[in-house]
Amino acid sequence: MEKQIVRWSYLAGLVCVLVAAVWRLAGAFGLPDQFSWGGSFVGYWSFFRGAFVLLVLTVATSSYAAAMKE
């Protein structure tokens, strides 16, 4: 179970980093930095923060799985 959590959270974290980097790069060329969906603003920082949470989840789960093997 832990291997699946590590695998999917790592992949989702990488996708979030990629989306945020492309979004920020597009913003450098004049596209809008944030969009409004349902009254709330979503910007590239949302994806950076999401990537951080997912990558921390990957490290924590991996450490937990390694500790349980001992």
N, C-alpha and C. Protein backbone atom coordinates (compact mmCIF):
# COMPACT_ATOMS: atom_id res chain seq x y z
N MET A 1 0.82 -1.19 0.00
CA MET A 1 0.00 0.00 0.00
C MET A 1 0.87 1.26 0.00
N GLU A 2 1.94 1.23 0.82
CA GLU A 2 2.80 2.40 0.91
C GLU A 2 3.49 2.68 -0.43
N LYS A 3 3.85 1.62 -1.15
CA LYS A 3 4.51 1.82 -2.45
C LYS A 3 3.60 2.55 -3.42
N GLN A 4 2.32 2.23 -3.39
CA GLN A 4 1.37 2.91 -4.27
C GLN A 4 1.21 4.38 -3.89
N ILE A 5 1.16 4.66 -2.59
CA ILE A 5 1.04 6.05 -2.14
C ILE A 5 2.28 6.83 -2.58
N VAL A 6 3.46 6.24 -2.37
CA VAL A 6 4.70 6.92 -2.77
C VAL A 6 4.71 7.16 -4.26
N ARG A 7 4.37 6.16 -5.05
CA ARG A 7 4.41 6.28 -6.51
C ARG A 7 3.46 7.36 -7.01
N TRP A 8 2.21 7.31 -6.56
CA TRP A 8 1.21 8.25 -7.09
C TRP A 8 1.39 9.66 -6.56
N SER A 9 1.81 9.81 -5.31
CA SER A 9 2.03 11.16 -4.79
C SER A 9 3.26 11.79 -5.44
N TYR A 10 4.28 10.99 -5.73
CA TYR A 10 5.46 11.51 -6.41
C TYR A 10 5.11 11.96 -7.83
N LEU A 11 4.36 11.13 -8.55
CA LEU A 11 3.97 11.51 -9.91
C LEU A 11 3.06 12.74 -9.92
N ALA A 12 2.12 12.80 -8.99
CA ALA A 12 1.23 13.96 -8.91
C ALA A 12 2.01 15.22 -8.54
N GLY A 13 3.01 15.08 -7.66
CA GLY A 13 3.85 16.22 -7.30
C GLY A 13 4.65 16.72 -8.49
N LEU A 14 5.19 15.80 -9.28
CA LEU A 14 5.93 16.21 -10.47
C LEU A 14 5.03 16.89 -11.50
N VAL A 15 3.82 16.39 -11.65
CA VAL A 15 2.87 17.02 -12.57
C VAL A 15 2.53 18.43 -12.09
N CYS A 16 2.33 18.60 -10.80
CA CYS A 16 2.04 19.94 -10.26
C CYS A 16 3.20 20.89 -10.49
N VAL A 17 4.43 20.42 -10.30
CA VAL A 17 5.59 21.27 -10.56
C VAL A 17 5.64 21.65 -12.03
N LEU A 18 5.40 20.71 -12.90
CA LEU A 18 5.42 20.98 -14.34
C LEU A 18 4.34 21.98 -14.74
N VAL A 19 3.12 21.80 -14.24
CA VAL A 19 2.03 22.72 -14.55
C VAL A 19 2.36 24.12 -14.04
N ALA A 20 2.87 24.21 -12.82
CA ALA A 20 3.21 25.52 -12.25
C ALA A 20 4.32 26.20 -13.04
N ALA A 21 5.33 25.45 -13.44
CA ALA A 21 6.44 26.04 -14.20
C ALA A 21 5.98 26.52 -15.57
N VAL A 22 5.16 25.72 -16.24
CA VAL A 22 4.65 26.13 -17.56
C VAL A 22 3.74 27.34 -17.41
N TRP A 23 2.90 27.35 -16.38
CA TRP A 23 1.99 28.47 -16.14
C TRP A 23 2.77 29.74 -15.86
N ARG A 24 3.83 29.63 -15.06
CA ARG A 24 4.65 30.80 -14.75
C ARG A 24 5.40 31.28 -15.99
N LEU A 25 5.88 30.37 -16.79
CA LEU A 25 6.56 30.72 -18.04
C LEU A 25 5.60 31.41 -19.00
N ALA A 26 4.38 30.91 -19.07
CA ALA A 26 3.36 31.55 -19.92
C ALA A 26 3.04 32.95 -19.39
N GLY A 27 3.05 33.12 -18.08
CA GLY A 27 2.82 34.44 -17.49
C GLY A 27 3.93 35.42 -17.85
N ALA A 28 5.14 34.90 -18.03
CA ALA A 28 6.25 35.76 -18.42
C ALA A 28 6.07 36.29 -19.84
N PHE A 29 5.30 35.57 -20.64
CA PHE A 29 5.05 36.00 -22.01
C PHE A 29 3.75 36.77 -22.16
N GLY A 30 3.11 37.12 -21.05
CA GLY A 30 1.95 38.00 -21.10
C GLY A 30 0.60 37.35 -20.88
N LEU A 31 0.55 36.06 -20.67
CA LEU A 31 -0.73 35.42 -20.36
C LEU A 31 -1.10 35.70 -18.90
N PRO A 32 -2.37 35.61 -18.54
CA PRO A 32 -2.77 35.95 -17.16
C PRO A 32 -2.14 35.02 -16.12
N ASP A 33 -1.83 35.59 -14.95
CA ASP A 33 -1.23 34.81 -13.86
C ASP A 33 -2.24 33.96 -13.11
N GLN A 34 -3.49 34.40 -13.09
CA GLN A 34 -4.50 33.65 -12.34
C GLN A 34 -5.82 33.67 -13.08
N PHE A 35 -6.63 32.70 -12.78
CA PHE A 35 -7.95 32.58 -13.39
C PHE A 35 -9.00 32.50 -12.30
N SER A 36 -10.21 32.88 -12.61
CA SER A 36 -11.29 32.83 -11.65
C SER A 36 -12.25 31.71 -12.04
N TRP A 37 -12.39 30.74 -11.13
CA TRP A 37 -13.34 29.65 -11.32
C TRP A 37 -14.26 29.61 -10.13
N GLY A 38 -15.53 29.88 -10.35
CA GLY A 38 -16.51 29.81 -9.27
C GLY A 38 -16.29 30.85 -8.20
N GLY A 39 -15.76 32.01 -8.55
CA GLY A 39 -15.59 33.08 -7.58
C GLY A 39 -14.27 33.04 -6.83
N SER A 40 -13.46 32.00 -7.01
CA SER A 40 -12.16 31.94 -6.35
C SER A 40 -11.05 32.00 -7.39
N PHE A 41 -9.94 32.57 -7.01
CA PHE A 41 -8.82 32.71 -7.93
C PHE A 41 -7.86 31.54 -7.78
N VAL A 42 -7.44 31.00 -8.90
CA VAL A 42 -6.48 29.91 -8.94
C VAL A 42 -5.28 30.41 -9.72
N GLY A 43 -4.11 30.35 -9.10
CA GLY A 43 -2.89 30.79 -9.75
C GLY A 43 -1.84 29.69 -9.70
N TYR A 44 -0.68 29.98 -10.26
CA TYR A 44 0.38 28.98 -10.31
C TYR A 44 0.89 28.63 -8.91
N TRP A 45 0.74 29.56 -7.93
CA TRP A 45 1.18 29.26 -6.58
C TRP A 45 0.40 28.10 -5.96
N SER A 46 -0.84 27.93 -6.38
CA SER A 46 -1.64 26.81 -5.88
C SER A 46 -0.99 25.48 -6.26
N PHE A 47 -0.45 25.42 -7.47
CA PHE A 47 0.19 24.19 -7.92
C PHE A 47 1.55 23.99 -7.26
N PHE A 48 2.30 25.07 -7.02
CA PHE A 48 3.56 24.95 -6.30
C PHE A 48 3.33 24.43 -4.89
N ARG A 49 2.33 24.98 -4.21
CA ARG A 49 2.02 24.53 -2.85
C ARG A 49 1.52 23.09 -2.83
N GLY A 50 0.69 22.75 -3.82
CA GLY A 50 0.22 21.37 -3.93
C GLY A 50 1.36 20.41 -4.18
N ALA A 51 2.31 20.81 -5.02
CA ALA A 51 3.47 19.97 -5.29
C ALA A 51 4.29 19.77 -4.02
N PHE A 52 4.45 20.84 -3.25
CA PHE A 52 5.19 20.72 -1.99
C PHE A 52 4.54 19.72 -1.05
N VAL A 53 3.24 19.82 -0.90
CA VAL A 53 2.51 18.89 -0.02
C VAL A 53 2.63 17.46 -0.51
N LEU A 54 2.49 17.25 -1.80
CA LEU A 54 2.57 15.89 -2.35
C LEU A 54 3.98 15.31 -2.22
N LEU A 55 4.99 16.12 -2.45
CA LEU A 55 6.36 15.61 -2.32
C LEU A 55 6.74 15.36 -0.86
N VAL A 56 6.22 16.16 0.07
CA VAL A 56 6.44 15.88 1.49
C VAL A 56 5.71 14.59 1.88
N LEU A 57 4.53 14.37 1.34
CA LEU A 57 3.80 13.12 1.57
C LEU A 57 4.61 11.93 1.08
N THR A 58 5.27 12.08 -0.06
CA THR A 58 6.10 11.01 -0.60
C THR A 58 7.25 10.67 0.35
N VAL A 59 7.93 11.69 0.84
CA VAL A 59 9.05 11.46 1.75
C VAL A 59 8.57 10.85 3.06
N ALA A 60 7.48 11.35 3.59
CA ALA A 60 6.96 10.84 4.86
C ALA A 60 6.52 9.38 4.74
N THR A 61 5.84 9.06 3.68
CA THR A 61 5.37 7.69 3.49
C THR A 61 6.53 6.74 3.25
N SER A 62 7.51 7.19 2.51
CA SER A 62 8.68 6.37 2.26
C SER A 62 9.45 6.11 3.54
N SER A 63 9.58 7.13 4.38
CA SER A 63 10.26 6.97 5.67
C SER A 63 9.48 6.03 6.59
N TYR A 64 8.19 6.15 6.58
CA TYR A 64 7.35 5.27 7.40
C TYR A 64 7.48 3.82 6.94
N ALA A 65 7.46 3.60 5.63
CA ALA A 65 7.59 2.24 5.12
C ALA A 65 8.94 1.65 5.45
N ALA A 66 10.00 2.47 5.38
CA ALA A 66 11.34 1.98 5.70
C ALA A 66 11.44 1.65 7.19
N ALA A 67 10.82 2.45 8.04
CA ALA A 67 10.86 2.20 9.48
C ALA A 67 10.08 0.95 9.86
N MET A 68 9.03 0.66 9.14
CA MET A 68 8.22 -0.52 9.45
C MET A 68 8.91 -1.82 9.03
N LYS A 69 9.86 -1.75 8.10
CA LYS A 69 10.59 -2.95 7.68
C LYS A 69 11.63 -3.38 8.70
N GLU A 70 12.09 -2.45 9.53
CA GLU A 70 13.12 -2.76 10.52
C GLU A 70 12.62 -3.56 11.67
